[in-house]
Amino acid sequence: MLTREEVPAGPRGLGTRVDRVPALRGNLVIGFRDPSTRSLVWRGIASDDKENPVDISKKLDDWVRKIIDKYPPKK
């Protein structure tokens, strides 16, 4: 399954472009944008192959912590 994601594009991020990305159940995506340019600065993703929402909800706090720990990216 593909999902649509509208991403700021064009001069000063005023336009948009549509990306089609694979969407699986059990994904958490966190993206940071530069507010002045509206461009994507960083994106972190956590996923699991479980489809049960109850199982996934138990992992959300841990996923968020692990994703945020990877920001800022190491060079």
Protein backbone atom coordinates (compact mmCIF):
# COMPACT_ATOMS: atom_id res chain seq x y z
CA MET A 1 0.00 0.00 0.00
CA LEU A 2 1.23 3.50 -0.82
CA THR A 3 0.31 6.63 1.07
CA ARG A 4 0.38 10.22 -0.16
CA GLU A 5 2.61 12.70 1.60
CA GLU A 6 2.51 16.37 0.68
CA VAL A 7 5.91 17.99 1.06
CA PRO A 8 6.64 21.73 0.82
CA ALA A 9 8.54 22.54 -2.35
CA GLY A 10 9.23 25.40 -4.69
CA PRO A 11 10.40 28.92 -3.89
CA ARG A 12 10.49 29.39 -0.10
CA GLY A 13 8.50 26.19 0.32
CA LEU A 14 5.28 27.82 -0.86
CA GLY A 15 4.35 25.10 -3.33
CA THR A 16 3.89 21.42 -2.63
CA ARG A 17 4.89 18.18 -4.22
CA VAL A 18 3.35 14.82 -3.53
CA ASP A 19 5.52 11.86 -2.65
CA ARG A 20 4.15 8.35 -2.62
CA VAL A 21 5.79 6.27 0.06
CA PRO A 22 5.15 2.72 1.21
CA ALA A 23 2.89 2.66 4.25
CA LEU A 24 2.83 -0.26 6.61
CA ARG A 25 0.86 -0.69 9.76
CA GLY A 26 3.02 -0.17 12.79
CA ASN A 27 5.04 2.82 11.53
CA LEU A 28 5.76 6.01 13.43
CA VAL A 29 7.27 8.89 11.45
CA ILE A 30 8.52 12.09 13.09
CA GLY A 31 9.68 14.94 10.86
CA PHE A 32 11.24 18.28 11.74
CA ARG A 33 10.81 21.25 9.42
CA ASP A 34 12.58 24.58 9.25
CA PRO A 35 9.79 27.08 9.99
CA SER A 36 11.31 29.81 7.84
CA THR A 37 11.66 27.69 4.69
CA ARG A 38 9.10 24.97 5.51
CA SER A 39 11.61 22.44 4.21
CA LEU A 40 12.10 19.05 5.82
CA VAL A 41 15.23 19.13 7.95
CA TRP A 42 15.18 15.66 9.48
CA ARG A 43 12.97 12.57 9.58
CA GLY A 44 13.04 9.59 11.94
CA ILE A 45 11.07 6.37 11.50
CA ALA A 46 10.29 3.49 13.83
CA SER A 47 8.36 0.43 12.74
CA ASP A 48 7.20 -2.99 13.77
CA ASP A 49 5.55 -5.78 11.83
CA LYS A 50 2.72 -6.12 14.35
CA GLU A 51 -0.70 -5.06 13.12
CA ASN A 52 -2.53 -5.09 16.44
CA PRO A 53 -3.05 -1.45 17.55
CA VAL A 54 -2.91 -2.43 21.22
CA ASP A 55 0.54 -4.00 20.78
CA ILE A 56 1.74 -0.96 18.85
CA SER A 57 0.37 1.55 21.36
CA LYS A 58 2.40 -0.08 24.12
CA LYS A 59 5.59 0.71 22.20
CA LEU A 60 4.90 4.33 21.21
CA ASP A 61 6.67 6.01 24.14
CA ASP A 62 9.77 3.88 23.55
CA TRP A 63 9.69 4.56 19.79
CA VAL A 64 9.44 8.33 20.29
CA ARG A 65 12.34 8.28 22.75
CA LYS A 66 14.51 6.24 20.37
CA ILE A 67 13.71 8.46 17.39
CA ILE A 68 14.36 11.71 19.26
CA ASP A 69 17.63 10.33 20.67
CA LYS A 70 18.92 10.16 17.08
CA TYR A 71 18.46 13.92 16.61
CA PRO A 72 20.57 15.82 15.74
CA PRO A 73 22.16 13.40 13.28
CA LYS A 74 25.81 12.58 13.88
CA LYS A 75 28.16 13.58 11.08
